[in-house]
């Protein structure tokens, strides 16, 4: 199993920035990719970004490209999500997840991820 712990959420004013972290432990060698998803109240969980451990290829939701940046530190088994120019509509619980299957297809779908963190709340005030 892989354990994931998110941190870095909080309250920020519109236009501000936050950096989320997701630390992985356990059978991390089995992880192929890490993803970030978010879920706002009353809405479905949506894809934010993903990164491949080996090589660092990155993927973003089209609407977030340019404001959000995903990165990883392989030595620390940690993935980051830098969020800039935050907007009230970015308010949500942000989750990280890991995928073990070594294929890119479906990387934007929550269904292909095996393990999830507990989530961290991000609130953007107007």
N, C-alpha and C. Protein backbone atom coordinates (compact mmCIF):
# COMPACT_ATOMS: atom_id res chain seq x y z
N UNK A 1 0.83 -1.21 0.00
CA UNK A 1 0.00 0.00 0.00
C UNK A 1 0.86 1.25 0.00
N UNK A 2 0.25 2.33 -0.42
CA UNK A 2 0.90 3.63 -0.43
C UNK A 2 0.07 4.58 0.43
N UNK A 3 0.73 5.29 1.30
CA UNK A 3 0.05 6.29 2.12
C UNK A 3 0.40 7.68 1.59
N UNK A 4 -0.60 8.53 1.51
CA UNK A 4 -0.42 9.88 0.99
C UNK A 4 -0.92 10.88 2.01
N UNK A 5 -0.13 11.90 2.24
CA UNK A 5 -0.52 12.95 3.18
C UNK A 5 -0.35 14.31 2.51
N UNK A 6 -1.47 15.02 2.37
CA UNK A 6 -1.43 16.35 1.78
C UNK A 6 -1.24 17.40 2.87
N UNK A 7 -0.66 18.51 2.49
CA UNK A 7 -0.52 19.64 3.40
C UNK A 7 -0.42 20.91 2.57
N UNK A 8 -0.54 22.03 3.25
CA UNK A 8 -0.36 23.32 2.58
C UNK A 8 -1.63 24.08 2.26
N UNK A 9 -2.77 23.47 2.52
CA UNK A 9 -4.01 24.18 2.27
C UNK A 9 -4.23 25.29 3.28
N UNK A 10 -5.25 26.10 3.04
CA UNK A 10 -5.55 27.19 3.95
C UNK A 10 -6.46 28.21 3.32
N UNK A 11 -6.53 29.35 3.97
CA UNK A 11 -7.36 30.46 3.51
C UNK A 11 -6.46 31.51 2.87
N UNK A 12 -6.83 31.94 1.68
CA UNK A 12 -6.04 32.93 0.97
C UNK A 12 -6.98 33.87 0.24
N UNK A 13 -6.55 35.09 0.05
CA UNK A 13 -7.37 36.05 -0.69
C UNK A 13 -7.22 35.82 -2.19
N UNK A 14 -8.22 36.23 -2.91
CA UNK A 14 -8.17 36.12 -4.37
C UNK A 14 -6.93 36.82 -4.90
N UNK A 15 -6.27 36.17 -5.84
CA UNK A 15 -5.02 36.68 -6.39
C UNK A 15 -3.79 36.16 -5.70
N UNK A 16 -3.97 35.51 -4.56
CA UNK A 16 -2.86 34.98 -3.80
C UNK A 16 -2.39 33.62 -4.31
N UNK A 17 -1.44 33.05 -3.58
CA UNK A 17 -0.83 31.78 -3.98
C UNK A 17 -0.78 30.82 -2.80
N UNK A 18 -0.78 29.55 -3.12
CA UNK A 18 -0.56 28.49 -2.15
C UNK A 18 0.25 27.40 -2.81
N UNK A 19 1.01 26.68 -2.02
CA UNK A 19 1.70 25.49 -2.53
C UNK A 19 1.28 24.30 -1.69
N UNK A 20 0.68 23.35 -2.35
CA UNK A 20 0.28 22.11 -1.69
C UNK A 20 1.39 21.08 -1.82
N UNK A 21 1.51 20.25 -0.82
CA UNK A 21 2.46 19.14 -0.85
C UNK A 21 1.73 17.84 -0.64
N UNK A 22 2.26 16.79 -1.22
CA UNK A 22 1.73 15.45 -1.04
C UNK A 22 2.90 14.52 -0.82
N UNK A 23 3.04 14.03 0.40
CA UNK A 23 4.13 13.13 0.74
C UNK A 23 3.65 11.69 0.68
N UNK A 24 4.39 10.87 -0.05
CA UNK A 24 4.04 9.47 -0.21
C UNK A 24 4.95 8.59 0.62
N UNK A 25 4.40 7.54 1.20
CA UNK A 25 5.19 6.58 1.95
C UNK A 25 4.62 5.19 1.71
N UNK A 26 5.37 4.19 2.14
CA UNK A 26 4.95 2.82 1.91
C UNK A 26 5.57 2.27 0.64
N UNK A 27 4.78 1.57 -0.16
CA UNK A 27 5.27 0.95 -1.39
C UNK A 27 5.35 1.96 -2.53
N UNK A 28 6.15 3.00 -2.31
CA UNK A 28 6.21 4.08 -3.29
C UNK A 28 6.83 3.65 -4.60
N UNK A 29 7.61 2.57 -4.59
CA UNK A 29 8.24 2.11 -5.82
C UNK A 29 7.20 1.62 -6.82
N UNK A 30 6.01 1.33 -6.32
CA UNK A 30 4.95 0.84 -7.20
C UNK A 30 4.17 1.97 -7.86
N UNK A 31 4.51 3.20 -7.51
CA UNK A 31 3.76 4.34 -8.02
C UNK A 31 4.32 4.80 -9.35
N UNK A 32 3.44 4.94 -10.35
CA UNK A 32 3.84 5.40 -11.68
C UNK A 32 3.59 6.89 -11.84
N UNK A 33 2.47 7.34 -11.32
CA UNK A 33 2.09 8.74 -11.50
C UNK A 33 1.38 9.24 -10.25
N UNK A 34 1.43 10.54 -10.09
CA UNK A 34 0.71 11.20 -9.01
C UNK A 34 -0.24 12.22 -9.61
N UNK A 35 -1.42 12.30 -9.05
CA UNK A 35 -2.39 13.25 -9.55
C UNK A 35 -2.94 14.12 -8.43
N UNK A 36 -3.39 15.30 -8.83
CA UNK A 36 -4.13 16.18 -7.94
C UNK A 36 -5.55 16.32 -8.48
N UNK A 37 -6.49 16.20 -7.59
CA UNK A 37 -7.90 16.40 -7.91
C UNK A 37 -8.48 17.36 -6.88
N UNK A 38 -9.63 17.91 -7.20
CA UNK A 38 -10.29 18.77 -6.23
C UNK A 38 -11.79 18.54 -6.28
N UNK A 39 -12.43 18.82 -5.16
CA UNK A 39 -13.88 18.65 -5.08
C UNK A 39 -14.46 19.79 -4.28
N UNK A 40 -15.31 20.56 -4.94
CA UNK A 40 -16.01 21.66 -4.28
C UNK A 40 -17.36 21.14 -3.78
N UNK A 41 -17.94 21.80 -2.79
CA UNK A 41 -19.23 21.35 -2.26
C UNK A 41 -20.29 21.24 -3.34
N UNK A 42 -20.96 20.11 -3.38
CA UNK A 42 -22.02 19.90 -4.35
C UNK A 42 -21.56 19.59 -5.75
N UNK A 43 -20.26 19.44 -5.94
CA UNK A 43 -19.73 19.18 -7.27
C UNK A 43 -18.96 17.87 -7.29
N UNK A 44 -18.76 17.35 -8.50
CA UNK A 44 -18.00 16.12 -8.63
C UNK A 44 -16.50 16.41 -8.49
N UNK A 45 -15.78 15.37 -8.13
CA UNK A 45 -14.33 15.50 -8.07
C UNK A 45 -13.79 15.73 -9.47
N UNK A 46 -12.89 16.70 -9.62
CA UNK A 46 -12.37 17.00 -10.94
C UNK A 46 -10.85 16.95 -10.96
N UNK A 47 -10.33 16.62 -12.12
CA UNK A 47 -8.90 16.53 -12.33
C UNK A 47 -8.27 17.91 -12.32
N UNK A 48 -7.12 18.02 -11.67
CA UNK A 48 -6.37 19.27 -11.65
C UNK A 48 -5.06 19.11 -12.43
N UNK A 49 -4.26 18.11 -12.04
CA UNK A 49 -2.95 17.96 -12.65
C UNK A 49 -2.40 16.59 -12.31
N UNK A 50 -1.41 16.14 -13.08
CA UNK A 50 -0.75 14.88 -12.81
C UNK A 50 0.68 14.95 -13.30
N UNK A 51 1.51 14.09 -12.72
CA UNK A 51 2.92 14.04 -13.09
C UNK A 51 3.40 12.60 -13.02
N UNK A 52 4.27 12.25 -13.95
CA UNK A 52 4.89 10.93 -13.97
C UNK A 52 6.18 10.97 -13.18
N UNK A 53 6.36 10.00 -12.28
CA UNK A 53 7.57 10.03 -11.45
C UNK A 53 8.84 10.01 -12.30
N UNK A 54 8.92 9.06 -13.22
CA UNK A 54 10.11 8.95 -14.04
C UNK A 54 9.95 9.78 -15.31
N UNK A 55 10.78 10.76 -15.45
CA UNK A 55 10.70 11.63 -16.62
C UNK A 55 10.02 12.95 -16.36
N UNK A 56 9.07 12.96 -15.44
CA UNK A 56 8.44 14.21 -15.04
C UNK A 56 7.42 14.78 -16.00
N UNK A 57 6.89 13.98 -16.92
CA UNK A 57 5.84 14.50 -17.81
C UNK A 57 4.67 15.00 -16.98
N UNK A 58 4.11 16.13 -17.40
CA UNK A 58 3.04 16.75 -16.64
C UNK A 58 1.77 16.90 -17.47
N UNK A 59 0.64 16.93 -16.78
CA UNK A 59 -0.67 17.04 -17.41
C UNK A 59 -1.51 17.99 -16.56
N UNK A 60 -2.31 18.80 -17.24
CA UNK A 60 -3.12 19.79 -16.54
C UNK A 60 -4.54 19.82 -17.10
N UNK A 61 -5.46 20.20 -16.24
CA UNK A 61 -6.78 20.55 -16.73
C UNK A 61 -6.63 21.82 -17.55
N UNK A 62 -7.25 21.85 -18.70
CA UNK A 62 -7.07 22.98 -19.61
C UNK A 62 -7.36 24.32 -18.95
N UNK A 63 -8.37 24.36 -18.11
CA UNK A 63 -8.79 25.62 -17.50
C UNK A 63 -7.80 26.13 -16.47
N UNK A 64 -6.92 25.25 -16.01
CA UNK A 64 -5.98 25.63 -14.94
C UNK A 64 -4.56 25.84 -15.46
N UNK A 65 -4.33 25.46 -16.68
CA UNK A 65 -3.00 25.58 -17.24
C UNK A 65 -2.57 27.04 -17.22
N UNK A 66 -1.35 27.27 -16.74
CA UNK A 66 -0.84 28.64 -16.67
C UNK A 66 -0.91 29.22 -15.27
N UNK A 67 -1.85 28.74 -14.46
CA UNK A 67 -1.94 29.22 -13.08
C UNK A 67 -1.40 28.20 -12.09
N UNK A 68 -1.54 26.93 -12.41
CA UNK A 68 -1.11 25.86 -11.52
C UNK A 68 0.12 25.15 -12.12
N UNK A 69 1.04 24.76 -11.25
CA UNK A 69 2.23 24.04 -11.69
C UNK A 69 2.48 22.86 -10.77
N UNK A 70 2.62 21.69 -11.36
CA UNK A 70 2.91 20.49 -10.59
C UNK A 70 4.39 20.17 -10.72
N UNK A 71 4.97 19.67 -9.64
CA UNK A 71 6.37 19.26 -9.67
C UNK A 71 6.56 18.12 -8.69
N UNK A 72 7.73 17.49 -8.77
CA UNK A 72 7.97 16.39 -7.83
C UNK A 72 9.41 16.39 -7.38
N UNK A 73 9.62 15.81 -6.21
CA UNK A 73 10.95 15.59 -5.65
C UNK A 73 11.05 14.09 -5.41
N UNK A 74 11.70 13.39 -6.33
CA UNK A 74 11.76 11.94 -6.23
C UNK A 74 12.46 11.48 -4.96
N UNK A 75 13.48 12.19 -4.54
CA UNK A 75 14.23 11.79 -3.35
C UNK A 75 13.36 11.86 -2.10
N UNK A 76 12.40 12.79 -2.09
CA UNK A 76 11.52 12.94 -0.94
C UNK A 76 10.18 12.26 -1.13
N UNK A 77 9.98 11.64 -2.29
CA UNK A 77 8.68 11.02 -2.60
C UNK A 77 7.54 12.01 -2.37
N UNK A 78 7.75 13.21 -2.83
CA UNK A 78 6.80 14.29 -2.59
C UNK A 78 6.45 14.98 -3.91
N UNK A 79 5.18 15.29 -4.04
CA UNK A 79 4.68 16.03 -5.20
C UNK A 79 4.10 17.35 -4.70
N UNK A 80 4.30 18.38 -5.50
CA UNK A 80 3.84 19.72 -5.12
C UNK A 80 2.86 20.25 -6.15
N UNK A 81 2.00 21.13 -5.69
CA UNK A 81 1.10 21.84 -6.60
C UNK A 81 1.17 23.32 -6.23
N UNK A 82 1.85 24.07 -7.07
CA UNK A 82 1.93 25.52 -6.88
C UNK A 82 0.72 26.16 -7.55
N UNK A 83 -0.03 26.91 -6.78
CA UNK A 83 -1.27 27.52 -7.28
C UNK A 83 -1.14 29.03 -7.17
N UNK A 84 -1.18 29.70 -8.30
CA UNK A 84 -1.05 31.15 -8.35
C UNK A 84 -2.33 31.79 -8.85
N UNK A 85 -2.45 33.08 -8.62
CA UNK A 85 -3.62 33.84 -9.08
C UNK A 85 -4.92 33.13 -8.71
N UNK A 86 -4.99 32.75 -7.47
CA UNK A 86 -6.15 31.96 -7.02
C UNK A 86 -7.43 32.77 -7.10
N UNK A 87 -8.51 32.06 -7.39
CA UNK A 87 -9.83 32.65 -7.54
C UNK A 87 -10.81 31.99 -6.57
N UNK A 88 -11.88 32.66 -6.22
CA UNK A 88 -12.86 32.03 -5.33
C UNK A 88 -13.36 30.68 -5.86
N UNK A 89 -13.45 30.53 -7.15
CA UNK A 89 -13.91 29.25 -7.71
C UNK A 89 -12.90 28.12 -7.57
N UNK A 90 -11.69 28.43 -7.10
CA UNK A 90 -10.70 27.39 -6.82
C UNK A 90 -10.93 26.77 -5.44
N UNK A 91 -11.84 27.34 -4.68
CA UNK A 91 -12.15 26.81 -3.35
C UNK A 91 -12.65 25.37 -3.46
N UNK A 92 -11.99 24.48 -2.73
CA UNK A 92 -12.32 23.06 -2.80
C UNK A 92 -11.42 22.31 -1.83
N UNK A 93 -11.75 21.05 -1.64
CA UNK A 93 -10.82 20.14 -0.98
C UNK A 93 -9.93 19.55 -2.08
N UNK A 94 -8.65 19.63 -1.88
CA UNK A 94 -7.69 19.14 -2.87
C UNK A 94 -7.13 17.81 -2.38
N UNK A 95 -7.16 16.83 -3.28
CA UNK A 95 -6.70 15.48 -2.97
C UNK A 95 -5.53 15.12 -3.88
N UNK A 96 -4.57 14.40 -3.33
CA UNK A 96 -3.58 13.78 -4.20
C UNK A 96 -3.85 12.28 -4.25
N UNK A 97 -3.40 11.68 -5.32
CA UNK A 97 -3.66 10.26 -5.54
C UNK A 97 -2.50 9.68 -6.32
N UNK A 98 -2.34 8.37 -6.20
CA UNK A 98 -1.27 7.69 -6.90
C UNK A 98 -1.82 6.60 -7.79
N UNK A 99 -1.16 6.41 -8.90
CA UNK A 99 -1.55 5.39 -9.86
C UNK A 99 -0.37 4.45 -10.06
N UNK A 100 -0.64 3.16 -10.01
CA UNK A 100 0.45 2.19 -10.17
C UNK A 100 0.58 1.70 -11.60
N UNK A 101 -0.52 1.67 -12.33
CA UNK A 101 -0.44 1.16 -13.69
C UNK A 101 0.36 2.12 -14.55
N UNK A 102 1.34 1.58 -15.27
CA UNK A 102 2.28 2.41 -16.02
C UNK A 102 1.78 2.74 -17.42
N UNK A 103 0.64 3.41 -17.48
CA UNK A 103 0.14 3.91 -18.76
C UNK A 103 -0.39 5.32 -18.55
N UNK A 104 -0.31 6.12 -19.60
CA UNK A 104 -0.76 7.50 -19.51
C UNK A 104 -2.25 7.61 -19.78
N UNK A 105 -2.79 6.72 -20.55
CA UNK A 105 -4.21 6.78 -20.93
C UNK A 105 -5.07 6.85 -19.67
N UNK A 106 -5.98 7.78 -19.68
CA UNK A 106 -6.91 7.91 -18.57
C UNK A 106 -6.36 8.62 -17.36
N UNK A 107 -5.22 9.26 -17.52
CA UNK A 107 -4.56 9.85 -16.36
C UNK A 107 -5.37 10.97 -15.75
N UNK A 108 -6.33 11.51 -16.49
CA UNK A 108 -7.18 12.57 -15.96
C UNK A 108 -8.43 12.03 -15.27
N UNK A 109 -8.56 10.72 -15.22
CA UNK A 109 -9.73 10.10 -14.60
C UNK A 109 -9.42 9.64 -13.20
N UNK A 110 -10.29 10.00 -12.25
CA UNK A 110 -10.08 9.61 -10.86
C UNK A 110 -10.15 8.10 -10.69
N UNK A 111 -10.83 7.42 -11.60
CA UNK A 111 -11.06 5.99 -11.44
C UNK A 111 -9.80 5.16 -11.59
N UNK A 112 -8.75 5.71 -12.20
CA UNK A 112 -7.56 4.91 -12.45
C UNK A 112 -6.54 5.03 -11.34
N UNK A 113 -6.83 5.81 -10.32
CA UNK A 113 -5.90 5.99 -9.23
C UNK A 113 -6.20 5.00 -8.10
N UNK A 114 -5.13 4.50 -7.50
CA UNK A 114 -5.27 3.41 -6.55
C UNK A 114 -5.39 3.87 -5.10
N UNK A 115 -4.64 4.87 -4.73
CA UNK A 115 -4.63 5.33 -3.34
C UNK A 115 -4.81 6.85 -3.31
N UNK A 116 -5.49 7.30 -2.26
CA UNK A 116 -5.82 8.71 -2.12
C UNK A 116 -5.42 9.22 -0.75
N UNK A 117 -5.07 10.50 -0.71
CA UNK A 117 -4.85 11.16 0.56
C UNK A 117 -6.17 11.59 1.17
N UNK A 118 -6.07 12.20 2.33
CA UNK A 118 -7.28 12.60 3.07
C UNK A 118 -7.82 13.95 2.60
N UNK A 119 -7.03 14.67 1.84
CA UNK A 119 -7.46 15.95 1.32
C UNK A 119 -7.04 17.12 2.18
N UNK A 120 -6.89 18.27 1.56
CA UNK A 120 -6.57 19.50 2.27
C UNK A 120 -7.47 20.61 1.73
N UNK A 121 -8.03 21.39 2.63
CA UNK A 121 -8.99 22.42 2.25
C UNK A 121 -8.27 23.66 1.75
N UNK A 122 -8.70 24.15 0.60
CA UNK A 122 -8.24 25.42 0.07
C UNK A 122 -9.46 26.34 -0.05
N UNK A 123 -9.38 27.48 0.60
CA UNK A 123 -10.47 28.45 0.56
C UNK A 123 -9.92 29.78 0.06
N UNK A 124 -10.53 30.28 -1.00
CA UNK A 124 -10.10 31.55 -1.60
C UNK A 124 -11.21 32.56 -1.38
N UNK A 125 -10.90 33.61 -0.66
CA UNK A 125 -11.91 34.63 -0.38
C UNK A 125 -11.84 35.74 -1.41
N UNK A 126 -12.99 36.34 -1.67
CA UNK A 126 -13.05 37.40 -2.69
C UNK A 126 -12.82 38.77 -2.08
